[in-house]
Amino acid sequence: MSLSRKKLDISQTAQFGAGTDKSTVVDLGQSGILEAIHMPDTWTEANLTLRVSLTEDGPFRNVYDADGTRVTLYTAPATFVSLNGLVTKGIRYLQFESTAIQSAARTVQVYIRNE
């Protein structure tokens, strides 16, 4: 029995400008699924919520689970958050919203699996 490895494309980043709470748009591509995010060492601890759109320019909508709860990622500086494709299959454009304003520009590494 052989184990196959998932193909990850780590070239995507989500940028938070200084004084902002929303990231730049991440294009998951035609068949990309969000697998994980890597938070920078300088990240101001905050939760992240997901916003999605059919087009790069929006409008962006908040993401809720089947129970009506807004999907929230608990993040801290220098952490790797595994998502295992959480609610992102079929989504093209993604934006993160932080519960804390970042005092300086921050870059979040976004790991995408292509199917």
Foldseek 3Di string as FASTA:
>chain_A
DDDDDFDKDFPWKWKAAAQFFKTQKTFLPQFKFFFKKFWAQLDDFWKKFKWAAPDNVDDTHFDADPVRHTDIHGDDHGDMGTDHRPPCGPTGMMMIGTPDGHRHMTMMTIMITGD
